[in-house]
Amino acid sequence: MPSRKGVSQISELCETYLAIFAIALCPLFCRIGSVLADDYISPELVKITTPRYQPEDSKFSPRLGTYEYSVGWEGINAASCKLTIQRQGDTYVVDAAARTYTGVDLLYKLRYEAVGVISANDLTSINLDIDHQENSRHKNIAIDFSPTLKKIHAVRSKGANDPDKKILSFNTDNFTLDPIAATFLARSLNWQVGDTKHFDVFNGKSRYIISLTAVARKKIRYQGEDRPVIVITPQVRNLTTTKPRAKLRQAFIYVSDDEFREVLRIESSVFIGRVITELDSFTPATTEIRPPIQMVRSSNTDEIRAQMRQP
């Protein structure tokens, strides 16, 4: 059984790559975002310019259905991740969840779910809801994007009845996305070995620049067959803190080199050993179209939307 620190690192990675690559694996964003008040820089003060990417690969066709992943540390099963993608009209609804296994819960308990709605036309953000339970701590995040007004509004709370909700609204002239939309858009781009793509990403509290670099095209042995993949390595920098830049240990994301651009495997270095995240199964969606999964949002959502419509 890994140590408490080791389990925490595994869970961080499980969350990190959910947010980095929208597969079902995420918040480095929640971890790195935990900066002291004196170190915090408000997101509207961030001055950065990143490219405004458009979906490039006409062959990109994300499969609708449910992907299930397992996360292991040095051969020990630690957590599971699930990603469900639905198409509803002109939007994709992406439900990404991660949880530690029962045995690991004794040391470190994680229950994480993020539901993102993104435009099916240009893969830009519409809204994102996050429900994050880590041991005894619980927090909700609801983010709304208004690209035409260049405004983003977020509400953070410890639950629906939290009297101390943190409300953050700001304007941005830069092309800013939520983590799920950024990863979807990254998968749609044309990649050549050596290419680096930069994304301005907001997680409800902090802004990050995520840099993804294609380092190789190769074949890997996956579930008994050779699969061609693009190997991507990520770098993440928190732009809303004065603290020294945190170092992300080396990671490699293996993305299928076909029209689906599915994440097959992630290999990540941690303090001791390696964490392997691997796609176990995919279940295609049925023909039934269900309404988007609704998570707990702020009770003053109407007020938020009214503020977003203001110039």
C-alpha atoms as a PDB file:
ATOM      1  CA  MET A   1       0.000   0.000   0.000  1.00  0.00           C
ATOM      2  CA  PRO A   2       1.463   3.416  -0.966  1.00  0.00           C
ATOM      3  CA  SER A   3       1.958   6.114   1.641  1.00  0.00           C
ATOM      4  CA  ARG A   4      -0.578   8.893   2.214  1.00  0.00           C
ATOM      5  CA  LYS A   5       1.700  11.266   0.300  1.00  0.00           C
ATOM      6  CA  GLY A   6       2.013   8.798  -2.555  1.00  0.00           C
ATOM      7  CA  VAL A   7      -1.759   8.333  -2.740  1.00  0.00           C
ATOM      8  CA  SER A   8      -2.258  12.100  -2.701  1.00  0.00           C
ATOM      9  CA  GLN A   9       0.135  12.442  -5.642  1.00  0.00           C
ATOM     10  CA  ILE A  10      -1.687   9.722  -7.565  1.00  0.00           C
ATOM     11  CA  SER A  11      -5.006  11.451  -6.965  1.00  0.00           C
ATOM     12  CA  GLU A  12      -3.555  14.786  -8.048  1.00  0.00           C
ATOM     13  CA  LEU A  13      -2.438  13.207 -11.285  1.00  0.00           C
ATOM     14  CA  CYS A  14      -5.812  11.571 -11.742  1.00  0.00           C
ATOM     15  CA  GLU A  15      -7.396  15.014 -11.485  1.00  0.00           C
ATOM     16  CA  THR A  16      -4.606  16.825 -13.321  1.00  0.00           C
ATOM     17  CA  TYR A  17      -5.045  15.122 -16.646  1.00  0.00           C
ATOM     18  CA  LEU A  18      -8.795  15.268 -16.524  1.00  0.00           C
ATOM     19  CA  ALA A  19      -8.291  19.001 -16.626  1.00  0.00           C
ATOM     20  CA  ILE A  20      -5.298  18.942 -18.982  1.00  0.00           C
ATOM     21  CA  PHE A  21      -6.615  16.508 -21.544  1.00  0.00           C
ATOM     22  CA  ALA A  22     -10.355  16.011 -20.958  1.00  0.00           C
ATOM     23  CA  ILE A  23     -10.190  12.303 -20.915  1.00  0.00           C
ATOM     24  CA  ALA A  24     -11.256  11.570 -17.428  1.00  0.00           C
ATOM     25  CA  LEU A  25      -8.120  12.296 -15.704  1.00  0.00           C
ATOM     26  CA  CYS A  26      -7.607  16.452 -13.609  1.00  0.00           C
ATOM     27  CA  PRO A  27      -7.028  19.387 -11.327  1.00  0.00           C
ATOM     28  CA  LEU A  28      -3.495  20.093 -11.003  1.00  0.00           C
ATOM     29  CA  PHE A  29      -5.636  23.180 -11.315  1.00  0.00           C
ATOM     30  CA  CYS A  30      -7.245  22.585  -7.929  1.00  0.00           C
ATOM     31  CA  ARG A  31      -3.856  21.852  -6.350  1.00  0.00           C
ATOM     32  CA  ILE A  32      -1.829  24.639  -7.897  1.00  0.00           C
ATOM     33  CA  GLY A  33      -4.755  26.993  -7.410  1.00  0.00           C
ATOM     34  CA  SER A  34      -4.408  26.712  -3.629  1.00  0.00           C
ATOM     35  CA  VAL A  35      -2.208  29.744  -3.147  1.00  0.00           C
ATOM     36  CA  LEU A  36      -2.150  32.042  -0.146  1.00  0.00           C
ATOM     37  CA  ALA A  37      -4.095  35.307  -0.360  1.00  0.00           C
ATOM     38  CA  ASP A  38      -0.868  37.326  -0.316  1.00  0.00           C
ATOM     39  CA  ASP A  39       0.402  35.380  -3.334  1.00  0.00           C
ATOM     40  CA  TYR A  40      -2.801  35.681  -5.374  1.00  0.00           C
ATOM     41  CA  ILE A  41      -3.093  37.854  -8.478  1.00  0.00           C
ATOM     42  CA  SER A  42      -6.630  38.523  -9.690  1.00  0.00           C
ATOM     43  CA  PRO A  43      -7.257  36.944 -13.144  1.00  0.00           C
ATOM     44  CA  GLU A  44      -8.175  40.239 -14.830  1.00  0.00           C
ATOM     45  CA  LEU A  45      -4.686  41.555 -14.053  1.00  0.00           C
ATOM     46  CA  VAL A  46      -3.063  38.787 -16.087  1.00  0.00           C
ATOM     47  CA  LYS A  47      -1.677  40.079 -19.384  1.00  0.00           C
ATOM     48  CA  ILE A  48      -1.000  37.289 -21.846  1.00  0.00           C
ATOM     49  CA  THR A  49      -1.494  36.610 -25.545  1.00  0.00           C
ATOM     50  CA  THR A  50      -2.041  33.118 -26.888  1.00  0.00           C
ATOM     51  CA  PRO A  51      -3.192  32.045 -30.366  1.00  0.00           C
ATOM     52  CA  ARG A  52      -6.902  31.885 -31.118  1.00  0.00           C
ATOM     53  CA  TYR A  53      -7.026  28.336 -32.375  1.00  0.00           C
ATOM     54  CA  GLN A  54      -9.761  26.999 -34.624  1.00  0.00           C
ATOM     55  CA  PRO A  55     -10.447  23.277 -35.120  1.00  0.00           C
ATOM     56  CA  GLU A  56      -8.044  22.342 -37.914  1.00  0.00           C
ATOM     57  CA  ASP A  57      -8.261  18.632 -38.568  1.00  0.00           C
ATOM     58  CA  SER A  58     -11.310  17.910 -40.710  1.00  0.00           C
ATOM     59  CA  LYS A  59     -10.876  14.211 -39.847  1.00  0.00           C
ATOM     60  CA  PHE A  60     -11.309  14.829 -36.098  1.00  0.00           C
ATOM     61  CA  SER A  61     -14.491  13.075 -35.011  1.00  0.00           C
ATOM     62  CA  PRO A  62     -14.780  12.536 -31.239  1.00  0.00           C
ATOM     63  CA  ARG A  63     -16.659   9.349 -30.447  1.00  0.00           C
ATOM     64  CA  LEU A  64     -19.794   9.741 -28.357  1.00  0.00           C
ATOM     65  CA  GLY A  65     -20.034   7.418 -25.392  1.00  0.00           C
ATOM     66  CA  THR A  66     -18.180   6.542 -22.197  1.00  0.00           C
ATOM     67  CA  TYR A  67     -14.439   6.004 -21.725  1.00  0.00           C
ATOM     68  CA  GLU A  68     -13.219   4.254 -18.579  1.00  0.00           C
ATOM     69  CA  TYR A  69      -9.655   4.545 -17.293  1.00  0.00           C
ATOM     70  CA  SER A  70      -7.661   2.973 -14.483  1.00  0.00           C
ATOM     71  CA  VAL A  71      -4.891   4.732 -12.558  1.00  0.00           C
ATOM     72  CA  GLY A  72      -2.086   2.743 -10.975  1.00  0.00           C
ATOM     73  CA  TRP A  73       1.114   3.479  -9.074  1.00  0.00           C
ATOM     74  CA  GLU A  74       3.928   0.953  -9.392  1.00  0.00           C
ATOM     75  CA  GLY A  75       1.397  -1.789 -10.171  1.00  0.00           C
ATOM     76  CA  ILE A  76      -1.027  -0.824  -7.379  1.00  0.00           C
ATOM     77  CA  ASN A  77      -4.561   0.109  -8.448  1.00  0.00           C
ATOM     78  CA  ALA A  78      -5.327   3.519  -6.991  1.00  0.00           C
ATOM     79  CA  ALA A  79      -8.192   5.227  -8.802  1.00  0.00           C
ATOM     80  CA  SER A  80     -10.636   5.070 -11.675  1.00  0.00           C
ATOM     81  CA  CYS A  81     -11.702   7.741 -14.140  1.00  0.00           C
ATOM     82  CA  LYS A  82     -14.686   7.984 -16.448  1.00  0.00           C
ATOM     83  CA  LEU A  83     -15.390  10.342 -19.358  1.00  0.00           C
ATOM     84  CA  THR A  84     -18.785  10.572 -21.042  1.00  0.00           C
ATOM     85  CA  ILE A  85     -19.243  12.630 -24.208  1.00  0.00           C
ATOM     86  CA  GLN A  86     -22.703  13.542 -25.541  1.00  0.00           C
ATOM     87  CA  ARG A  87     -23.711  15.654 -28.534  1.00  0.00           C
ATOM     88  CA  GLN A  88     -26.730  17.878 -27.998  1.00  0.00           C
ATOM     89  CA  GLY A  89     -27.572  20.170 -30.872  1.00  0.00           C
ATOM     90  CA  ASP A  90     -24.701  22.595 -31.355  1.00  0.00           C
ATOM     91  CA  THR A  91     -22.937  21.581 -28.148  1.00  0.00           C
ATOM     92  CA  TYR A  92     -20.898  18.782 -26.656  1.00  0.00           C
ATOM     93  CA  VAL A  93     -21.646  17.859 -23.034  1.00  0.00           C
ATOM     94  CA  VAL A  94     -18.603  16.288 -21.377  1.00  0.00           C
ATOM     95  CA  ASP A  95     -18.913  14.630 -17.970  1.00  0.00           C
ATOM     96  CA  ALA A  96     -15.522  13.718 -16.499  1.00  0.00           C
ATOM     97  CA  ALA A  97     -15.214  11.992 -13.142  1.00  0.00           C
ATOM     98  CA  ALA A  98     -12.456  10.519 -10.978  1.00  0.00           C
ATOM     99  CA  ARG A  99     -12.514   8.571  -7.708  1.00  0.00           C
ATOM    100  CA  THR A 100     -10.060   6.691  -5.541  1.00  0.00           C
ATOM    101  CA  TYR A 101     -10.695   3.021  -4.838  1.00  0.00           C
ATOM    102  CA  THR A 102     -12.189   1.897  -1.519  1.00  0.00           C
ATOM    103  CA  GLY A 103      -8.892   0.619  -0.113  1.00  0.00           C
ATOM    104  CA  VAL A 104      -7.136   3.859  -0.957  1.00  0.00           C
ATOM    105  CA  ASP A 105      -9.964   5.887   0.607  1.00  0.00           C
ATOM    106  CA  LEU A 106      -8.619   4.911   4.029  1.00  0.00           C
ATOM    107  CA  LEU A 107      -5.571   7.110   3.319  1.00  0.00           C
ATOM    108  CA  TYR A 108      -6.890   9.622   0.836  1.00  0.00           C
ATOM    109  CA  LYS A 109     -10.453   9.945  -0.468  1.00  0.00           C
ATOM    110  CA  LEU A 110     -11.220  11.710  -3.728  1.00  0.00           C
ATOM    111  CA  ARG A 111     -14.533  12.162  -5.527  1.00  0.00           C
ATOM    112  CA  TYR A 112     -14.309  14.549  -8.466  1.00  0.00           C
ATOM    113  CA  GLU A 113     -16.730  15.396 -11.259  1.00  0.00           C
ATOM    114  CA  ALA A 114     -16.636  18.117 -13.901  1.00  0.00           C
ATOM    115  CA  VAL A 115     -19.432  18.718 -16.416  1.00  0.00           C
ATOM    116  CA  GLY A 116     -18.518  21.009 -19.286  1.00  0.00           C
ATOM    117  CA  VAL A 117     -20.661  22.346 -22.130  1.00  0.00           C
ATOM    118  CA  ILE A 118     -18.697  23.476 -25.180  1.00  0.00           C
ATOM    119  CA  SER A 119     -19.601  24.686 -28.647  1.00  0.00           C
ATOM    120  CA  ALA A 120     -19.592  21.904 -31.239  1.00  0.00           C
ATOM    121  CA  ASN A 121     -18.759  24.480 -33.921  1.00  0.00           C
ATOM    122  CA  ASP A 122     -15.525  26.003 -32.617  1.00  0.00           C
ATOM    123  CA  LEU A 123     -14.984  24.032 -29.351  1.00  0.00           C
ATOM    124  CA  THR A 124     -15.078  27.165 -27.188  1.00  0.00           C
ATOM    125  CA  SER A 125     -16.313  27.226 -23.580  1.00  0.00           C
ATOM    126  CA  ILE A 126     -19.949  27.797 -22.632  1.00  0.00           C
ATOM    127  CA  ASN A 127     -20.012  26.697 -18.992  1.00  0.00           C
ATOM    128  CA  LEU A 128     -18.326  24.319 -16.579  1.00  0.00           C
ATOM    129  CA  ASP A 129     -19.484  22.892 -13.240  1.00  0.00           C
ATOM    130  CA  ILE A 130     -17.102  21.130 -10.848  1.00  0.00           C
ATOM    131  CA  ASP A 131     -17.925  19.117  -7.749  1.00  0.00           C
ATOM    132  CA  HIS A 132     -14.758  18.309  -5.789  1.00  0.00           C
ATOM    133  CA  GLN A 133     -14.633  16.259  -2.586  1.00  0.00           C
ATOM    134  CA  GLU A 134     -11.221  15.596  -1.088  1.00  0.00           C
ATOM    135  CA  ASN A 135     -11.276  13.841   2.280  1.00  0.00           C
ATOM    136  CA  SER A 136     -13.563  16.039   4.415  1.00  0.00           C
ATOM    137  CA  ARG A 137     -13.285  19.088   2.158  1.00  0.00           C
ATOM    138  CA  HIS A 138     -15.986  19.836  -0.400  1.00  0.00           C
ATOM    139  CA  LYS A 139     -16.187  22.595  -2.980  1.00  0.00           C
ATOM    140  CA  ASN A 140     -18.296  23.513  -5.994  1.00  0.00           C
ATOM    141  CA  ILE A 141     -17.249  25.708  -8.885  1.00  0.00           C
ATOM    142  CA  ALA A 142     -19.584  27.110 -11.563  1.00  0.00           C
ATOM    143  CA  ILE A 143     -18.104  29.047 -14.497  1.00  0.00           C
ATOM    144  CA  ASP A 144     -19.979  30.857 -17.271  1.00  0.00           C
ATOM    145  CA  PHE A 145     -18.302  32.192 -20.411  1.00  0.00           C
ATOM    146  CA  SER A 146     -19.591  35.011 -22.593  1.00  0.00           C
ATOM    147  CA  PRO A 147     -17.173  35.171 -25.558  1.00  0.00           C
ATOM    148  CA  THR A 148     -18.995  37.999 -27.359  1.00  0.00           C
ATOM    149  CA  LEU A 149     -18.669  40.217 -24.270  1.00  0.00           C
ATOM    150  CA  LYS A 150     -15.229  38.812 -23.432  1.00  0.00           C
ATOM    151  CA  LYS A 151     -16.484  38.236 -19.907  1.00  0.00           C
ATOM    152  CA  ILE A 152     -16.083  35.261 -17.567  1.00  0.00           C
ATOM    153  CA  HIS A 153     -18.022  34.775 -14.354  1.00  0.00           C
ATOM    154  CA  ALA A 154     -17.322  32.157 -11.672  1.00  0.00           C
ATOM    155  CA  VAL A 155     -18.841  31.189  -8.330  1.00  0.00           C
ATOM    156  CA  ARG A 156     -16.924  29.068  -5.812  1.00  0.00           C
ATOM    157  CA  SER A 157     -18.591  27.614  -2.744  1.00  0.00           C
ATOM    158  CA  LYS A 158     -18.460  24.815  -0.204  1.00  0.00           C
ATOM    159  CA  GLY A 159     -21.962  23.668  -1.174  1.00  0.00           C
ATOM    160  CA  ALA A 160     -25.327  24.993  -2.295  1.00  0.00           C
ATOM    161  CA  ASN A 161     -26.049  26.650   1.066  1.00  0.00           C
ATOM    162  CA  ASP A 162     -22.628  28.189   1.632  1.00  0.00           C
ATOM    163  CA  PRO A 163     -23.194  31.802   2.833  1.00  0.00           C
ATOM    164  CA  ASP A 164     -19.628  32.744   1.909  1.00  0.00           C
ATOM    165  CA  LYS A 165     -19.663  32.110  -1.830  1.00  0.00           C
ATOM    166  CA  LYS A 166     -16.731  33.624  -3.693  1.00  0.00           C
ATOM    167  CA  ILE A 167     -17.867  35.435  -6.836  1.00  0.00           C
ATOM    168  CA  LEU A 168     -15.372  36.436  -9.489  1.00  0.00           C
ATOM    169  CA  SER A 169     -16.162  38.288 -12.718  1.00  0.00           C
ATOM    170  CA  PHE A 170     -13.619  39.675 -15.136  1.00  0.00           C
ATOM    171  CA  ASN A 171     -13.036  40.685 -18.735  1.00  0.00           C
ATOM    172  CA  THR A 172     -10.329  39.191 -20.888  1.00  0.00           C
ATOM    173  CA  ASP A 173      -9.085  40.272 -24.303  1.00  0.00           C
ATOM    174  CA  ASN A 174      -7.235  36.985 -24.708  1.00  0.00           C
ATOM    175  CA  PHE A 175      -8.657  33.693 -25.981  1.00  0.00           C
ATOM    176  CA  THR A 176      -9.479  32.019 -22.657  1.00  0.00           C
ATOM    177  CA  LEU A 177     -10.990  28.551 -22.196  1.00  0.00           C
ATOM    178  CA  ASP A 178     -11.941  26.168 -19.444  1.00  0.00           C
ATOM    179  CA  PRO A 179      -9.808  22.991 -19.085  1.00  0.00           C
ATOM    180  CA  ILE A 180     -12.237  20.677 -20.895  1.00  0.00           C
ATOM    181  CA  ALA A 181     -12.737  22.962 -23.897  1.00  0.00           C
ATOM    182  CA  ALA A 182      -8.978  23.543 -24.139  1.00  0.00           C
ATOM    183  CA  THR A 183      -8.286  19.821 -24.271  1.00  0.00           C
ATOM    184  CA  PHE A 184     -11.029  19.166 -26.810  1.00  0.00           C
ATOM    185  CA  LEU A 185      -9.664  21.932 -29.016  1.00  0.00           C
ATOM    186  CA  ALA A 186      -6.109  20.617 -28.647  1.00  0.00           C
ATOM    187  CA  ARG A 187      -7.218  17.201 -29.868  1.00  0.00           C
ATOM    188  CA  SER A 188      -8.760  18.758 -32.985  1.00  0.00           C
ATOM    189  CA  LEU A 189      -5.557  20.483 -34.127  1.00  0.00           C
ATOM    190  CA  ASN A 190      -3.054  19.254 -36.687  1.00  0.00           C
ATOM    191  CA  TRP A 191       0.079  18.067 -34.886  1.00  0.00           C
ATOM    192  CA  GLN A 192       3.591  17.644 -36.238  1.00  0.00           C
ATOM    193  CA  VAL A 193       6.501  16.479 -34.132  1.00  0.00           C
ATOM    194  CA  GLY A 194       8.054  19.570 -32.536  1.00  0.00           C
ATOM    195  CA  ASP A 195       4.824  21.606 -32.522  1.00  0.00           C
ATOM    196  CA  THR A 196       3.905  23.413 -29.282  1.00  0.00           C
ATOM    197  CA  LYS A 197       0.413  24.809 -28.696  1.00  0.00           C
ATOM    198  CA  HIS A 198      -0.292  27.333 -25.923  1.00  0.00           C
ATOM    199  CA  PHE A 199      -3.640  27.758 -24.148  1.00  0.00           C
ATOM    200  CA  ASP A 200      -4.913  30.339 -21.650  1.00  0.00           C
ATOM    201  CA  VAL A 201      -7.041  28.290 -19.233  1.00  0.00           C
ATOM    202  CA  PHE A 202      -9.250  29.419 -16.324  1.00  0.00           C
ATOM    203  CA  ASN A 203     -10.435  26.946 -13.661  1.00  0.00           C
ATOM    204  CA  GLY A 204     -12.763  29.147 -11.593  1.00  0.00           C
ATOM    205  CA  LYS A 205     -10.064  30.833  -9.528  1.00  0.00           C
ATOM    206  CA  SER A 206      -6.753  30.906 -11.365  1.00  0.00           C
ATOM    207  CA  ARG A 207      -5.500  31.317 -14.907  1.00  0.00           C
ATOM    208  CA  TYR A 208      -2.830  29.081 -16.379  1.00  0.00           C
ATOM    209  CA  ILE A 209      -0.833  28.853 -19.540  1.00  0.00           C
ATOM    210  CA  ILE A 210      -0.793  25.242 -20.670  1.00  0.00           C
ATOM    211  CA  SER A 211       1.818  24.323 -23.266  1.00  0.00           C
ATOM    212  CA  LEU A 212       1.452  21.018 -25.098  1.00  0.00           C
ATOM    213  CA  THR A 213       4.344  19.759 -27.221  1.00  0.00           C
ATOM    214  CA  ALA A 214       4.254  16.876 -29.684  1.00  0.00           C
ATOM    215  CA  VAL A 215       7.498  14.989 -29.061  1.00  0.00           C
ATOM    216  CA  ALA A 216       7.040  11.850 -31.182  1.00  0.00           C
ATOM    217  CA  ARG A 217       4.929   9.816 -33.556  1.00  0.00           C
ATOM    218  CA  LYS A 218       5.225   6.089 -32.906  1.00  0.00           C
ATOM    219  CA  LYS A 219       3.403   2.828 -32.375  1.00  0.00           C
ATOM    220  CA  ILE A 220       2.643   1.369 -28.976  1.00  0.00           C
ATOM    221  CA  ARG A 221       1.372  -2.040 -27.997  1.00  0.00           C
ATOM    222  CA  TYR A 222      -2.135  -1.455 -26.680  1.00  0.00           C
ATOM    223  CA  GLN A 223      -4.566  -4.233 -25.745  1.00  0.00           C
ATOM    224  CA  GLY A 224      -2.858  -6.755 -27.984  1.00  0.00           C
ATOM    225  CA  GLU A 225      -2.423  -4.620 -31.078  1.00  0.00           C
ATOM    226  CA  ASP A 226      -0.068  -1.962 -32.418  1.00  0.00           C
ATOM    227  CA  ARG A 227      -1.637   1.490 -32.344  1.00  0.00           C
ATOM    228  CA  PRO A 228      -0.111   4.593 -33.982  1.00  0.00           C
ATOM    229  CA  VAL A 229       0.007   7.485 -31.515  1.00  0.00           C
ATOM    230  CA  ILE A 230       1.081  11.089 -31.124  1.00  0.00           C
ATOM    231  CA  VAL A 231       3.068  11.571 -27.913  1.00  0.00           C
ATOM    232  CA  ILE A 232       2.293  14.859 -26.144  1.00  0.00           C
ATOM    233  CA  THR A 233       4.123  16.308 -23.143  1.00  0.00           C
ATOM    234  CA  PRO A 234       2.438  19.085 -21.077  1.00  0.00           C
ATOM    235  CA  GLN A 235       3.793  22.044 -19.159  1.00  0.00           C
ATOM    236  CA  VAL A 236       1.594  24.119 -16.843  1.00  0.00           C
ATOM    237  CA  ARG A 237       2.262  27.535 -15.343  1.00  0.00           C
ATOM    238  CA  ASN A 238       0.005  29.337 -12.876  1.00  0.00           C
ATOM    239  CA  LEU A 239      -0.301  32.983 -13.965  1.00  0.00           C
ATOM    240  CA  THR A 240      -2.221  34.175 -10.901  1.00  0.00           C
ATOM    241  CA  THR A 241       0.420  33.713  -8.229  1.00  0.00           C
ATOM    242  CA  THR A 242       3.644  35.475  -7.299  1.00  0.00           C
ATOM    243  CA  LYS A 243       5.092  32.234  -5.963  1.00  0.00           C
ATOM    244  CA  PRO A 244       8.002  30.703  -7.884  1.00  0.00           C
ATOM    245  CA  ARG A 245       6.978  28.576 -10.833  1.00  0.00           C
ATOM    246  CA  ALA A 246       6.045  25.061  -9.731  1.00  0.00           C
ATOM    247  CA  LYS A 247       7.773  22.266 -11.604  1.00  0.00           C
ATOM    248  CA  LEU A 248       5.528  19.678 -13.218  1.00  0.00           C
ATOM    249  CA  ARG A 249       7.227  16.332 -13.278  1.00  0.00           C
ATOM    250  CA  GLN A 250       7.651  14.753 -16.687  1.00  0.00           C
ATOM    251  CA  ALA A 251       4.551  13.272 -18.273  1.00  0.00           C
ATOM    252  CA  PHE A 252       3.712  11.723 -21.643  1.00  0.00           C
ATOM    253  CA  ILE A 253       0.212  11.542 -23.102  1.00  0.00           C
ATOM    254  CA  TYR A 254      -0.326   8.953 -25.844  1.00  0.00           C
ATOM    255  CA  VAL A 255      -3.075  10.095 -28.225  1.00  0.00           C
ATOM    256  CA  SER A 256      -4.339   7.830 -30.997  1.00  0.00           C
ATOM    257  CA  ASP A 257      -3.151   9.070 -34.388  1.00  0.00           C
ATOM    258  CA  ASP A 258      -6.528   8.770 -36.108  1.00  0.00           C
ATOM    259  CA  GLU A 259      -9.786  10.696 -36.450  1.00  0.00           C
ATOM    260  CA  PHE A 260     -10.828   9.933 -32.854  1.00  0.00           C
ATOM    261  CA  ARG A 261      -7.708  11.314 -31.108  1.00  0.00           C
ATOM    262  CA  GLU A 262      -8.401   9.176 -28.073  1.00  0.00           C
ATOM    263  CA  VAL A 263      -6.103   9.281 -25.065  1.00  0.00           C
ATOM    264  CA  LEU A 264      -4.891   5.690 -24.709  1.00  0.00           C
ATOM    265  CA  ARG A 265      -2.281   6.073 -21.987  1.00  0.00           C
ATOM    266  CA  ILE A 266      -0.621   8.626 -19.704  1.00  0.00           C
ATOM    267  CA  GLU A 267       2.721   7.999 -18.031  1.00  0.00           C
ATOM    268  CA  SER A 268       3.656  10.394 -15.245  1.00  0.00           C
ATOM    269  CA  SER A 269       6.635  10.635 -12.917  1.00  0.00           C
ATOM    270  CA  VAL A 270       5.883  11.298  -9.244  1.00  0.00           C
ATOM    271  CA  PHE A 271       8.027  11.749  -6.148  1.00  0.00           C
ATOM    272  CA  ILE A 272       8.640   8.016  -6.028  1.00  0.00           C
ATOM    273  CA  GLY A 273       7.979   5.842  -9.055  1.00  0.00           C
ATOM    274  CA  ARG A 274       5.573   6.214 -11.935  1.00  0.00           C
ATOM    275  CA  VAL A 275       1.828   6.559 -12.353  1.00  0.00           C
ATOM    276  CA  ILE A 276       0.236   4.847 -15.360  1.00  0.00           C
ATOM    277  CA  THR A 277      -3.238   5.824 -16.528  1.00  0.00           C
ATOM    278  CA  GLU A 278      -4.678   3.611 -19.248  1.00  0.00           C
ATOM    279  CA  LEU A 279      -7.888   3.388 -21.222  1.00  0.00           C
ATOM    280  CA  ASP A 280      -9.656   0.177 -20.208  1.00  0.00           C
ATOM    281  CA  SER A 281     -12.847   0.346 -22.231  1.00  0.00           C
ATOM    282  CA  PHE A 282     -15.136   2.425 -24.432  1.00  0.00           C
ATOM    283  CA  THR A 283     -18.924   2.052 -24.567  1.00  0.00           C
ATOM    284  CA  PRO A 284     -20.593   3.787 -27.546  1.00  0.00           C
ATOM    285  CA  ALA A 285     -23.523   6.072 -26.843  1.00  0.00           C
ATOM    286  CA  THR A 286     -27.039   4.834 -27.508  1.00  0.00           C
ATOM    287  CA  THR A 287     -29.281   6.643 -29.963  1.00  0.00           C
ATOM    288  CA  GLU A 288     -31.159   8.174 -27.031  1.00  0.00           C
ATOM    289  CA  ILE A 289     -30.190  11.790 -26.364  1.00  0.00           C
ATOM    290  CA  ARG A 290     -30.427  12.627 -22.698  1.00  0.00           C
ATOM    291  CA  PRO A 291     -30.488  16.131 -21.208  1.00  0.00           C
ATOM    292  CA  PRO A 292     -27.199  17.518 -19.891  1.00  0.00           C
ATOM    293  CA  ILE A 293     -26.225  16.392 -16.406  1.00  0.00           C
ATOM    294  CA  GLN A 294     -26.941  19.293 -14.090  1.00  0.00           C
ATOM    295  CA  MET A 295     -24.669  19.840 -11.113  1.00  0.00           C
ATOM    296  CA  VAL A 296     -25.183  22.146  -8.144  1.00  0.00           C
ATOM    297  CA  ARG A 297     -24.874  25.736  -9.305  1.00  0.00           C
ATOM    298  CA  SER A 298     -25.068  28.979  -7.407  1.00  0.00           C
ATOM    299  CA  SER A 299     -28.531  29.995  -6.250  1.00  0.00           C
ATOM    300  CA  ASN A 300     -27.941  33.386  -7.855  1.00  0.00           C
ATOM    301  CA  THR A 301     -27.287  32.050 -11.377  1.00  0.00           C
ATOM    302  CA  ASP A 302     -29.849  34.460 -12.886  1.00  0.00           C
ATOM    303  CA  GLU A 303     -28.042  37.346 -11.236  1.00  0.00           C
ATOM    304  CA  ILE A 304     -24.757  36.102 -12.648  1.00  0.00           C
ATOM    305  CA  ARG A 305     -26.096  35.903 -16.186  1.00  0.00           C
ATOM    306  CA  ALA A 306     -27.598  39.384 -15.851  1.00  0.00           C
ATOM    307  CA  GLN A 307     -24.201  40.734 -14.800  1.00  0.00           C
ATOM    308  CA  MET A 308     -22.579  39.018 -17.776  1.00  0.00           C
ATOM    309  CA  ARG A 309     -24.959  40.765 -20.158  1.00  0.00           C
ATOM    310  CA  GLN A 310     -23.946  44.157 -18.816  1.00  0.00           C
ATOM    311  CA  PRO A 311     -21.325  46.051 -20.883  1.00  0.00           C
END
